Amino acid sequence: MLRLTQAPNLAIATLWADALCNEGIEASVQRQFLVGVAGELPPDQCLPEVWLTHDQQETRARALLFDLQHVPQRRWHCSCGELVEGGFEQCWNCQALMPRT
């Protein structure tokens, strides 16, 4: 097993591990229960971690993790008139998909 990264919180660690698994990369979240001892241990020692089951998948996993951490930020106007900003590809107001150009 290989530690891929530390995550800022359990939700992010779980999202990253799930995304890796969806791409066929076996990953798991470790240290998910240490947040309760933060203060007794240094905070950086209590952050959740994403681990790979197979070391040989590291290169692919790091590339995918980079893409997950660097989602392009966009700004577009929906046909309903709403301004949609950030990494969103769907309008929050009418659920229309972002136009592809």
C-alpha atoms as a PDB file:
ATOM      1  CA  MET A   1       0.000   0.000   0.000  1.00  0.00           C
ATOM      2  CA  LEU A   2       1.072   3.559  -0.704  1.00  0.00           C
ATOM      3  CA  ARG A   3      -0.064   6.817   0.866  1.00  0.00           C
ATOM      4  CA  LEU A   4      -1.195   9.046  -1.974  1.00  0.00           C
ATOM      5  CA  THR A   5      -2.101  12.206  -0.083  1.00  0.00           C
ATOM      6  CA  GLN A   6      -3.538  13.836   3.012  1.00  0.00           C
ATOM      7  CA  ALA A   7      -6.910  15.523   2.625  1.00  0.00           C
ATOM      8  CA  PRO A   8      -8.121  18.641   4.435  1.00  0.00           C
ATOM      9  CA  ASN A   9     -11.203  16.809   5.744  1.00  0.00           C
ATOM     10  CA  LEU A  10     -13.036  13.492   5.598  1.00  0.00           C
ATOM     11  CA  ALA A  11     -15.520  14.610   2.947  1.00  0.00           C
ATOM     12  CA  ILE A  12     -12.766  15.543   0.487  1.00  0.00           C
ATOM     13  CA  ALA A  13     -10.794  12.370   1.237  1.00  0.00           C
ATOM     14  CA  THR A  14     -13.887  10.270   0.546  1.00  0.00           C
ATOM     15  CA  LEU A  15     -14.644  12.106  -2.703  1.00  0.00           C
ATOM     16  CA  TRP A  16     -11.054  11.631  -3.902  1.00  0.00           C
ATOM     17  CA  ALA A  17     -11.007   7.926  -2.981  1.00  0.00           C
ATOM     18  CA  ASP A  18     -14.371   7.355  -4.687  1.00  0.00           C
ATOM     19  CA  ALA A  19     -13.205   9.144  -7.837  1.00  0.00           C
ATOM     20  CA  LEU A  20     -10.077   6.989  -7.935  1.00  0.00           C
ATOM     21  CA  CYS A  21     -12.130   3.824  -7.463  1.00  0.00           C
ATOM     22  CA  ASN A  22     -14.484   4.886 -10.271  1.00  0.00           C
ATOM     23  CA  GLU A  23     -11.432   5.000 -12.553  1.00  0.00           C
ATOM     24  CA  GLY A  24     -10.395   1.484 -11.563  1.00  0.00           C
ATOM     25  CA  ILE A  25      -7.740   2.564  -9.056  1.00  0.00           C
ATOM     26  CA  GLU A  26      -8.171   0.778  -5.730  1.00  0.00           C
ATOM     27  CA  ALA A  27      -8.039   3.415  -2.997  1.00  0.00           C
ATOM     28  CA  SER A  28      -9.148   3.729   0.595  1.00  0.00           C
ATOM     29  CA  VAL A  29      -9.442   6.419   3.237  1.00  0.00           C
ATOM     30  CA  GLN A  30      -7.336   5.961   6.367  1.00  0.00           C
ATOM     31  CA  ARG A  31      -7.284   7.943   9.634  1.00  0.00           C
ATOM     32  CA  GLN A  32     -10.945   8.854   9.213  1.00  0.00           C
ATOM     33  CA  PHE A  33     -11.600   8.674  12.953  1.00  0.00           C
ATOM     34  CA  LEU A  34      -8.595  10.629  14.251  1.00  0.00           C
ATOM     35  CA  VAL A  35     -10.328  14.003  14.089  1.00  0.00           C
ATOM     36  CA  GLY A  36     -11.676  13.253  17.572  1.00  0.00           C
ATOM     37  CA  VAL A  37      -8.179  13.321  19.079  1.00  0.00           C
ATOM     38  CA  ALA A  38      -7.103  16.594  17.451  1.00  0.00           C
ATOM     39  CA  GLY A  39      -5.610  18.620  20.267  1.00  0.00           C
ATOM     40  CA  GLU A  40      -4.146  15.554  21.919  1.00  0.00           C
ATOM     41  CA  LEU A  41      -2.102  14.990  18.756  1.00  0.00           C
ATOM     42  CA  PRO A  42      -0.861  17.652  16.335  1.00  0.00           C
ATOM     43  CA  PRO A  43      -3.676  18.619  13.929  1.00  0.00           C
ATOM     44  CA  ASP A  44      -1.680  17.629  10.836  1.00  0.00           C
ATOM     45  CA  GLN A  45      -1.350  14.118  12.277  1.00  0.00           C
ATOM     46  CA  CYS A  46      -5.137  13.779  12.455  1.00  0.00           C
ATOM     47  CA  LEU A  47      -6.024  14.543   8.841  1.00  0.00           C
ATOM     48  CA  PRO A  48      -7.552  11.742   6.753  1.00  0.00           C
ATOM     49  CA  GLU A  49      -5.353  10.133   4.127  1.00  0.00           C
ATOM     50  CA  VAL A  50      -6.006   8.486   0.774  1.00  0.00           C
ATOM     51  CA  TRP A  51      -4.064   5.268   0.242  1.00  0.00           C
ATOM     52  CA  LEU A  52      -3.604   3.157  -2.870  1.00  0.00           C
ATOM     53  CA  THR A  53      -3.857  -0.617  -2.686  1.00  0.00           C
ATOM     54  CA  HIS A  54      -1.475  -1.133  -5.626  1.00  0.00           C
ATOM     55  CA  ASP A  55       1.708   0.955  -5.748  1.00  0.00           C
ATOM     56  CA  GLN A  56       1.986   0.574  -9.525  1.00  0.00           C
ATOM     57  CA  GLN A  57      -1.139   2.731  -9.971  1.00  0.00           C
ATOM     58  CA  GLU A  58       0.556   5.754  -8.397  1.00  0.00           C
ATOM     59  CA  THR A  59       1.313   7.681 -11.605  1.00  0.00           C
ATOM     60  CA  ARG A  60      -2.244   7.388 -12.886  1.00  0.00           C
ATOM     61  CA  ALA A  61      -3.671   8.153  -9.439  1.00  0.00           C
ATOM     62  CA  ARG A  62      -1.545  11.304  -9.041  1.00  0.00           C
ATOM     63  CA  ALA A  63      -2.631  12.545 -12.476  1.00  0.00           C
ATOM     64  CA  LEU A  64      -6.290  12.019 -11.606  1.00  0.00           C
ATOM     65  CA  LEU A  65      -5.845  13.650  -8.200  1.00  0.00           C
ATOM     66  CA  PHE A  66      -4.230  16.675  -9.864  1.00  0.00           C
ATOM     67  CA  ASP A  67      -7.243  16.988 -12.174  1.00  0.00           C
ATOM     68  CA  LEU A  68      -9.614  16.748  -9.199  1.00  0.00           C
ATOM     69  CA  GLN A  69      -7.714  19.464  -7.332  1.00  0.00           C
ATOM     70  CA  HIS A  70      -7.567  21.805 -10.339  1.00  0.00           C
ATOM     71  CA  VAL A  71     -11.101  21.941 -11.690  1.00  0.00           C
ATOM     72  CA  PRO A  72     -11.311  24.725 -14.275  1.00  0.00           C
ATOM     73  CA  GLN A  73     -13.241  27.737 -13.057  1.00  0.00           C
ATOM     74  CA  ARG A  74     -15.787  28.981 -15.563  1.00  0.00           C
ATOM     75  CA  ARG A  75     -18.275  31.792 -15.849  1.00  0.00           C
ATOM     76  CA  TRP A  76     -21.246  31.375 -18.158  1.00  0.00           C
ATOM     77  CA  HIS A  77     -24.770  32.677 -18.644  1.00  0.00           C
ATOM     78  CA  CYS A  78     -27.560  30.127 -18.721  1.00  0.00           C
ATOM     79  CA  SER A  79     -30.451  30.429 -21.147  1.00  0.00           C
ATOM     80  CA  CYS A  80     -32.678  31.170 -18.112  1.00  0.00           C
ATOM     81  CA  GLY A  81     -30.610  34.304 -17.429  1.00  0.00           C
ATOM     82  CA  GLU A  82     -28.611  33.094 -14.413  1.00  0.00           C
ATOM     83  CA  LEU A  83     -24.882  33.691 -14.139  1.00  0.00           C
ATOM     84  CA  VAL A  84     -23.143  30.431 -13.188  1.00  0.00           C
ATOM     85  CA  GLU A  85     -19.607  30.668 -11.809  1.00  0.00           C
ATOM     86  CA  GLY A  86     -17.000  28.200 -10.629  1.00  0.00           C
ATOM     87  CA  GLY A  87     -16.574  24.596 -11.674  1.00  0.00           C
ATOM     88  CA  PHE A  88     -20.286  24.049 -12.203  1.00  0.00           C
ATOM     89  CA  GLU A  89     -21.487  22.559 -15.473  1.00  0.00           C
ATOM     90  CA  GLN A  90     -25.182  22.773 -14.638  1.00  0.00           C
ATOM     91  CA  CYS A  91     -27.380  25.741 -13.789  1.00  0.00           C
ATOM     92  CA  TRP A  92     -28.532  25.800 -10.182  1.00  0.00           C
ATOM     93  CA  ASN A  93     -31.768  27.528 -11.156  1.00  0.00           C
ATOM     94  CA  CYS A  94     -33.125  25.468 -14.063  1.00  0.00           C
ATOM     95  CA  GLN A  95     -30.711  22.477 -14.149  1.00  0.00           C
ATOM     96  CA  ALA A  96     -29.772  23.176 -17.787  1.00  0.00           C
ATOM     97  CA  LEU A  97     -26.331  21.919 -18.790  1.00  0.00           C
ATOM     98  CA  MET A  98     -23.560  24.339 -19.633  1.00  0.00           C
ATOM     99  CA  PRO A  99     -23.418  24.957 -23.396  1.00  0.00           C
ATOM    100  CA  ARG A 100     -20.461  23.277 -25.107  1.00  0.00           C
ATOM    101  CA  THR A 101     -18.505  25.565 -27.394  1.00  0.00           C
END
